[in-house]
Every structure is written in structure tokens, then in C-alpha cells.
Amino acid sequence: MEFKKLIIILSVTILVIVVGILSFSYAWYAFGDASTTFKDVKTADPDIGIVFSQTPHVNTTTGIPISASDVETKADKNSFSIDTTNDKLKGLQIAIEISLVDIKIANELKTSDFKYELLEKVDNESKKIKEGTGEDFTGDKLVLKPMSSIEQGKTYSYELRVWLQDSGKSQNELMEKSFSAKLQVSSAIKK
């Protein structure tokens, strides 16, 4: 009887150690995978200033398709800025990643007619960071800007646009369909 108890106790102990090692290994891998280009990182503290003009939630129901020339004025937009001018950030390297998470998209919108783009503006210079179509939404997360360094002491302005592009053919089956997601900005710092 004594030998059976010892075997059971040893088995449970070994199982707990193996589970602990696997958990720690996965946590280490997940953190390392999130910051592959930015070594020795930690979550930004002090935090960089992220200000959403409206809300981080993107909620749209497709309406009338718009032409490519009308995207700037008629597309649904979410704007936000990232301020790195905080004195506590001086001498630190900063990296950010911008993603759409918790994506819910109607199957009909997983087409090349449903479009999105992310624009970045720094020092009055604007550039397109990412653009794509509804075909890109295959999971519940889409990285718009991979983890990359930004300059300390500047303000970065972003605008995410989503719209149904006029293709010249009937798109009635694409109208009144919903798309929702949340803009997520992850940050990291390095001394």
C-alpha cells in the first residue's frame, strides 16, 4: 500500500512540473513572438498617449457603394493619434503594433468589393500603411501595422477607412451587411 501511494504522489508531482514548464514555455514563446523585431521589450510604462477621436470600435453597415474618387469624403472612418512627446519617454525606443481584433464580418463582405485602408500622418506627411479587401478577414484578428519602431517626441495620426467600392455591377447582395471590429494599439519600449 505504501509503494502505491508513493507512485501516485510522484506521478502527480511530475505532472504538475511538466504542466508548469509547458505553461512557462508557451508564455515565453508568445511574448517573444509578439516582439520579434524589438528585443528586450516590456509593456510601455510610462504609457504612450493614445487618443481616439471617436471610439476604438469600428461598426459599420454597408450602404450604397462609393467610387474610388469619393473614398476620402464618404468612407466610414476611425481616427486616432499616438503622442510620444511625454518627457518620461525621453531616451527610450518605442514600438507599436496596430491591429483589428474581435472581427465580425458578414460572409457576403468577404469579397474584393469591401475595402479598407490605414493612413498614417507624421509632420504633415501622409502615407498609406496598409490596404486590403474583405478577403483578408479570415480570422478574428488582422495586423494593420506590424510591431515597428516610431520616433520619440512626435505625434502620429492614423485614419482607418472602410467602405463598399462601386464595381459597376449589381451589388445589392452586399448592401445592409455588417462589419465590426476593435482597433488595438500595442506598445513596447526599450532603453
C-alpha atoms as a PDB file:
ATOM      1  CA  MET A   1       0.000   0.000   0.000  1.00  0.00           C
ATOM      2  CA  GLU A   2       2.808   2.415   0.856  1.00  0.00           C
ATOM      3  CA  PHE A   3       4.504   1.880  -2.535  1.00  0.00           C
ATOM      4  CA  LYS A   4       1.265   2.687  -4.462  1.00  0.00           C
ATOM      5  CA  LYS A   5       0.868   5.983  -2.565  1.00  0.00           C
ATOM      6  CA  LEU A   6       4.479   6.915  -3.357  1.00  0.00           C
ATOM      7  CA  ILE A   7       3.966   6.181  -7.075  1.00  0.00           C
ATOM      8  CA  ILE A   8       0.762   8.264  -7.145  1.00  0.00           C
ATOM      9  CA  ILE A   9       2.433  11.201  -5.355  1.00  0.00           C
ATOM     10  CA  LEU A  10       5.446  11.059  -7.701  1.00  0.00           C
ATOM     11  CA  SER A  11       3.175  10.861 -10.762  1.00  0.00           C
ATOM     12  CA  VAL A  12       1.144  13.899  -9.655  1.00  0.00           C
ATOM     13  CA  THR A  13       4.321  15.847  -8.831  1.00  0.00           C
ATOM     14  CA  ILE A  14       5.855  15.079 -12.230  1.00  0.00           C
ATOM     15  CA  LEU A  15       2.602  16.035 -13.966  1.00  0.00           C
ATOM     16  CA  VAL A  16       2.492  19.403 -12.132  1.00  0.00           C
ATOM     17  CA  ILE A  17       6.139  20.111 -13.062  1.00  0.00           C
ATOM     18  CA  VAL A  18       5.559  19.241 -16.740  1.00  0.00           C
ATOM     19  CA  VAL A  19       2.427  21.428 -16.917  1.00  0.00           C
ATOM     20  CA  GLY A  20       4.329  24.290 -15.235  1.00  0.00           C
ATOM     21  CA  ILE A  21       7.233  24.014 -17.674  1.00  0.00           C
ATOM     22  CA  LEU A  22       4.883  23.906 -20.682  1.00  0.00           C
ATOM     23  CA  SER A  23       2.935  26.932 -19.414  1.00  0.00           C
ATOM     24  CA  PHE A  24       6.101  28.945 -18.826  1.00  0.00           C
ATOM     25  CA  SER A  25       7.497  27.922 -22.224  1.00  0.00           C
ATOM     26  CA  TYR A  26       4.316  28.973 -24.019  1.00  0.00           C
ATOM     27  CA  ALA A  27       4.229  32.338 -22.203  1.00  0.00           C
ATOM     28  CA  TRP A  28       7.856  32.962 -23.112  1.00  0.00           C
ATOM     29  CA  TYR A  29       7.206  31.977 -26.753  1.00  0.00           C
ATOM     30  CA  ALA A  30       4.083  34.149 -27.024  1.00  0.00           C
ATOM     31  CA  PHE A  31       5.896  37.201 -25.630  1.00  0.00           C
ATOM     32  CA  GLY A  32       8.947  36.611 -27.848  1.00  0.00           C
ATOM     33  CA  ASP A  33       6.746  36.082 -30.918  1.00  0.00           C
ATOM     34  CA  ALA A  34       4.924  39.369 -30.297  1.00  0.00           C
ATOM     35  CA  SER A  35       8.142  41.344 -30.315  1.00  0.00           C
ATOM     36  CA  THR A  36      10.429  39.570 -32.732  1.00  0.00           C
ATOM     37  CA  THR A  37      11.912  42.779 -34.130  1.00  0.00           C
ATOM     38  CA  PHE A  38      12.080  44.636 -30.829  1.00  0.00           C
ATOM     39  CA  LYS A  39      14.258  42.683 -28.389  1.00  0.00           C
ATOM     40  CA  ASP A  40      14.336  43.171 -24.611  1.00  0.00           C
ATOM     41  CA  VAL A  41      10.952  44.852 -24.568  1.00  0.00           C
ATOM     42  CA  LYS A  42       8.375  45.402 -21.898  1.00  0.00           C
ATOM     43  CA  THR A  43       4.932  46.933 -21.984  1.00  0.00           C
ATOM     44  CA  ALA A  44       5.263  50.664 -22.327  1.00  0.00           C
ATOM     45  CA  ASP A  45       5.410  52.222 -18.878  1.00  0.00           C
ATOM     46  CA  PRO A  46       5.081  55.145 -18.785  1.00  0.00           C
ATOM     47  CA  ASP A  47       2.406  54.567 -21.390  1.00  0.00           C
ATOM     48  CA  ILE A  48       2.395  56.450 -24.667  1.00  0.00           C
ATOM     49  CA  GLY A  49      -0.627  58.674 -25.223  1.00  0.00           C
ATOM     50  CA  ILE A  50      -3.236  57.049 -27.481  1.00  0.00           C
ATOM     51  CA  VAL A  51      -6.275  59.219 -28.207  1.00  0.00           C
ATOM     52  CA  PHE A  52      -9.232  58.020 -30.292  1.00  0.00           C
ATOM     53  CA  SER A  53     -11.214  60.805 -31.991  1.00  0.00           C
ATOM     54  CA  GLN A  54     -14.407  58.765 -31.821  1.00  0.00           C
ATOM     55  CA  THR A  55     -14.104  55.269 -30.401  1.00  0.00           C
ATOM     56  CA  PRO A  56     -11.756  52.308 -30.904  1.00  0.00           C
ATOM     57  CA  HIS A  57     -14.779  50.280 -32.060  1.00  0.00           C
ATOM     58  CA  VAL A  58     -15.373  50.038 -35.798  1.00  0.00           C
ATOM     59  CA  ASN A  59     -19.054  49.414 -36.506  1.00  0.00           C
ATOM     60  CA  THR A  60     -20.459  49.838 -39.963  1.00  0.00           C
ATOM     61  CA  THR A  61     -23.344  48.651 -42.049  1.00  0.00           C
ATOM     62  CA  THR A  62     -22.677  48.842 -45.759  1.00  0.00           C
ATOM     63  CA  GLY A  63     -24.782  51.277 -47.702  1.00  0.00           C
ATOM     64  CA  ILE A  64     -24.579  52.487 -51.256  1.00  0.00           C
ATOM     65  CA  PRO A  65     -21.267  51.563 -52.926  1.00  0.00           C
ATOM     66  CA  ILE A  66     -18.953  54.527 -53.463  1.00  0.00           C
ATOM     67  CA  SER A  67     -16.493  55.241 -56.250  1.00  0.00           C
ATOM     68  CA  ALA A  68     -12.724  55.259 -55.652  1.00  0.00           C
ATOM     69  CA  SER A  69     -12.652  59.053 -56.051  1.00  0.00           C
ATOM     70  CA  ASP A  70     -15.163  59.501 -53.180  1.00  0.00           C
ATOM     71  CA  VAL A  71     -13.388  57.329 -50.592  1.00  0.00           C
ATOM     72  CA  GLU A  72     -11.760  60.273 -48.803  1.00  0.00           C
ATOM     73  CA  THR A  73     -15.077  62.032 -48.187  1.00  0.00           C
ATOM     74  CA  LYS A  74     -17.627  59.207 -47.961  1.00  0.00           C
ATOM     75  CA  ALA A  75     -15.910  56.150 -46.420  1.00  0.00           C
ATOM     76  CA  ASP A  76     -16.550  55.259 -42.765  1.00  0.00           C
ATOM     77  CA  LYS A  77     -13.559  56.458 -40.723  1.00  0.00           C
ATOM     78  CA  ASN A  78     -11.998  55.891 -37.319  1.00  0.00           C
ATOM     79  CA  SER A  79      -9.242  58.317 -36.351  1.00  0.00           C
ATOM     80  CA  PHE A  80      -6.722  58.168 -33.528  1.00  0.00           C
ATOM     81  CA  SER A  81      -3.353  59.608 -32.604  1.00  0.00           C
ATOM     82  CA  ILE A  82      -0.299  58.410 -30.727  1.00  0.00           C
ATOM     83  CA  ASP A  83       1.620  61.035 -28.782  1.00  0.00           C
ATOM     84  CA  THR A  84       5.240  60.255 -27.850  1.00  0.00           C
ATOM     85  CA  THR A  85       6.130  63.765 -26.627  1.00  0.00           C
ATOM     86  CA  ASN A  86       5.893  62.826 -22.926  1.00  0.00           C
ATOM     87  CA  ASP A  87       9.139  63.810 -21.150  1.00  0.00           C
ATOM     88  CA  LYS A  88       9.146  60.464 -19.328  1.00  0.00           C
ATOM     89  CA  LEU A  89       9.730  58.754 -22.687  1.00  0.00           C
ATOM     90  CA  LYS A  90      12.957  60.645 -23.465  1.00  0.00           C
ATOM     91  CA  GLY A  91      15.839  58.336 -24.264  1.00  0.00           C
ATOM     92  CA  LEU A  92      13.571  55.326 -24.814  1.00  0.00           C
ATOM     93  CA  GLN A  93      12.873  53.486 -28.040  1.00  0.00           C
ATOM     94  CA  ILE A  94       9.181  52.966 -28.732  1.00  0.00           C
ATOM     95  CA  ALA A  95       7.485  50.363 -30.894  1.00  0.00           C
ATOM     96  CA  ILE A  96       3.806  49.948 -31.742  1.00  0.00           C
ATOM     97  CA  GLU A  97       1.578  47.423 -33.442  1.00  0.00           C
ATOM     98  CA  ILE A  98      -1.871  48.325 -34.789  1.00  0.00           C
ATOM     99  CA  SER A  99      -4.440  45.561 -35.239  1.00  0.00           C
ATOM    100  CA  LEU A 100      -8.111  44.954 -35.727  1.00  0.00           C
ATOM    101  CA  VAL A 101      -9.371  42.439 -33.149  1.00  0.00           C
ATOM    102  CA  ASP A 102     -12.728  40.838 -32.355  1.00  0.00           C
ATOM    103  CA  ILE A 103     -13.604  40.976 -36.058  1.00  0.00           C
ATOM    104  CA  LYS A 104     -17.161  40.133 -37.043  1.00  0.00           C
ATOM    105  CA  ILE A 105     -17.884  40.353 -40.760  1.00  0.00           C
ATOM    106  CA  ALA A 106     -20.858  39.206 -42.795  1.00  0.00           C
ATOM    107  CA  ASN A 107     -19.841  36.405 -45.182  1.00  0.00           C
ATOM    108  CA  GLU A 108     -21.103  38.464 -48.119  1.00  0.00           C
ATOM    109  CA  LEU A 109     -18.485  41.154 -47.348  1.00  0.00           C
ATOM    110  CA  LYS A 110     -15.559  38.722 -47.653  1.00  0.00           C
ATOM    111  CA  THR A 111     -15.155  39.971 -51.198  1.00  0.00           C
ATOM    112  CA  SER A 112     -12.845  42.240 -53.158  1.00  0.00           C
ATOM    113  CA  ASP A 113     -15.585  44.916 -53.250  1.00  0.00           C
ATOM    114  CA  PHE A 114     -15.368  45.550 -49.486  1.00  0.00           C
ATOM    115  CA  LYS A 115     -12.214  47.608 -48.875  1.00  0.00           C
ATOM    116  CA  TYR A 116     -10.171  49.056 -46.024  1.00  0.00           C
ATOM    117  CA  GLU A 117      -7.040  51.199 -45.665  1.00  0.00           C
ATOM    118  CA  LEU A 118      -4.945  52.600 -42.827  1.00  0.00           C
ATOM    119  CA  LEU A 119      -3.312  56.004 -43.325  1.00  0.00           C
ATOM    120  CA  GLU A 120      -0.518  57.457 -41.167  1.00  0.00           C
ATOM    121  CA  LYS A 121       0.335  61.160 -40.872  1.00  0.00           C
ATOM    122  CA  VAL A 122       3.543  62.423 -39.261  1.00  0.00           C
ATOM    123  CA  ASP A 123       4.842  66.002 -39.609  1.00  0.00           C
ATOM    124  CA  ASN A 124       2.210  66.812 -42.273  1.00  0.00           C
ATOM    125  CA  GLU A 125       3.414  63.863 -44.384  1.00  0.00           C
ATOM    126  CA  SER A 126       0.746  61.277 -45.039  1.00  0.00           C
ATOM    127  CA  LYS A 127       1.251  57.722 -46.289  1.00  0.00           C
ATOM    128  CA  LYS A 128      -0.805  54.574 -46.723  1.00  0.00           C
ATOM    129  CA  ILE A 129       0.307  51.886 -44.243  1.00  0.00           C
ATOM    130  CA  LYS A 130      -1.995  49.047 -45.328  1.00  0.00           C
ATOM    131  CA  GLU A 131      -4.873  48.458 -47.670  1.00  0.00           C
ATOM    132  CA  GLY A 132      -6.884  45.397 -48.491  1.00  0.00           C
ATOM    133  CA  THR A 133     -10.249  43.801 -49.116  1.00  0.00           C
ATOM    134  CA  GLY A 134     -12.834  41.766 -47.279  1.00  0.00           C
ATOM    135  CA  GLU A 135     -10.982  38.653 -48.435  1.00  0.00           C
ATOM    136  CA  ASP A 136      -8.276  39.461 -45.850  1.00  0.00           C
ATOM    137  CA  PHE A 137     -10.636  38.846 -42.920  1.00  0.00           C
ATOM    138  CA  THR A 138     -10.099  35.146 -42.324  1.00  0.00           C
ATOM    139  CA  GLY A 139      -9.839  35.177 -38.508  1.00  0.00           C
ATOM    140  CA  ASP A 140     -10.747  37.369 -35.566  1.00  0.00           C
ATOM    141  CA  LYS A 141      -7.521  39.447 -35.775  1.00  0.00           C
ATOM    142  CA  LEU A 142      -5.828  41.353 -38.605  1.00  0.00           C
ATOM    143  CA  VAL A 143      -2.497  43.154 -38.126  1.00  0.00           C
ATOM    144  CA  LEU A 144      -2.597  46.517 -39.908  1.00  0.00           C
ATOM    145  CA  LYS A 145       0.876  47.676 -38.854  1.00  0.00           C
ATOM    146  CA  PRO A 146       3.346  45.075 -37.540  1.00  0.00           C
ATOM    147  CA  MET A 147       5.400  45.849 -34.415  1.00  0.00           C
ATOM    148  CA  SER A 148       7.808  48.572 -35.550  1.00  0.00           C
ATOM    149  CA  SER A 149       9.749  51.467 -34.067  1.00  0.00           C
ATOM    150  CA  ILE A 150       8.415  55.014 -34.075  1.00  0.00           C
ATOM    151  CA  GLU A 151      10.268  58.215 -33.268  1.00  0.00           C
ATOM    152  CA  GLN A 152      10.110  59.607 -29.756  1.00  0.00           C
ATOM    153  CA  GLY A 153       8.907  63.214 -29.499  1.00  0.00           C
ATOM    154  CA  LYS A 154       6.411  63.094 -32.376  1.00  0.00           C
ATOM    155  CA  THR A 155       2.667  62.743 -32.746  1.00  0.00           C
ATOM    156  CA  TYR A 156       1.414  60.108 -35.175  1.00  0.00           C
ATOM    157  CA  SER A 157      -2.111  60.440 -36.584  1.00  0.00           C
ATOM    158  CA  TYR A 158      -3.932  57.457 -38.066  1.00  0.00           C
ATOM    159  CA  GLU A 159      -7.165  57.042 -40.003  1.00  0.00           C
ATOM    160  CA  LEU A 160      -8.803  53.696 -40.743  1.00  0.00           C
ATOM    161  CA  ARG A 161     -11.278  53.764 -43.627  1.00  0.00           C
ATOM    162  CA  VAL A 162     -13.756  51.012 -44.565  1.00  0.00           C
ATOM    163  CA  TRP A 163     -16.171  51.106 -47.491  1.00  0.00           C
ATOM    164  CA  LEU A 164     -18.021  49.207 -50.176  1.00  0.00           C
ATOM    165  CA  GLN A 165     -16.436  50.092 -53.522  1.00  0.00           C
ATOM    166  CA  ASP A 166     -18.597  50.524 -56.596  1.00  0.00           C
ATOM    167  CA  SER A 167     -17.623  47.821 -59.088  1.00  0.00           C
ATOM    168  CA  GLY A 168     -20.019  48.828 -61.858  1.00  0.00           C
ATOM    169  CA  LYS A 169     -22.121  45.681 -61.415  1.00  0.00           C
ATOM    170  CA  SER A 170     -25.104  44.957 -59.165  1.00  0.00           C
ATOM    171  CA  GLN A 171     -24.022  44.835 -55.513  1.00  0.00           C
ATOM    172  CA  ASN A 172     -27.449  44.598 -53.894  1.00  0.00           C
ATOM    173  CA  GLU A 173     -26.431  41.428 -52.001  1.00  0.00           C
ATOM    174  CA  LEU A 174     -23.603  43.400 -50.333  1.00  0.00           C
ATOM    175  CA  MET A 175     -25.741  46.265 -49.052  1.00  0.00           C
ATOM    176  CA  GLU A 176     -27.026  46.383 -45.455  1.00  0.00           C
ATOM    177  CA  LYS A 177     -24.343  43.923 -44.272  1.00  0.00           C
ATOM    178  CA  SER A 178     -22.432  44.476 -41.050  1.00  0.00           C
ATOM    179  CA  PHE A 179     -18.766  44.722 -40.163  1.00  0.00           C
ATOM    180  CA  SER A 180     -17.423  45.306 -36.668  1.00  0.00           C
ATOM    181  CA  ALA A 181     -14.011  45.174 -35.007  1.00  0.00           C
ATOM    182  CA  LYS A 182     -11.935  46.944 -32.395  1.00  0.00           C
ATOM    183  CA  LEU A 183      -8.766  48.910 -33.089  1.00  0.00           C
ATOM    184  CA  GLN A 184      -5.996  47.714 -30.794  1.00  0.00           C
ATOM    185  CA  VAL A 185      -2.695  49.551 -30.370  1.00  0.00           C
ATOM    186  CA  SER A 186       0.006  47.537 -28.592  1.00  0.00           C
ATOM    187  CA  SER A 187       3.130  49.343 -27.450  1.00  0.00           C
ATOM    188  CA  ALA A 188       6.557  48.373 -26.180  1.00  0.00           C
ATOM    189  CA  ILE A 189       9.589  50.332 -25.009  1.00  0.00           C
ATOM    190  CA  LYS A 190      13.297  49.634 -24.861  1.00  0.00           C
ATOM    191  CA  LYS A 191      16.001  51.536 -23.025  1.00  0.00           C
END
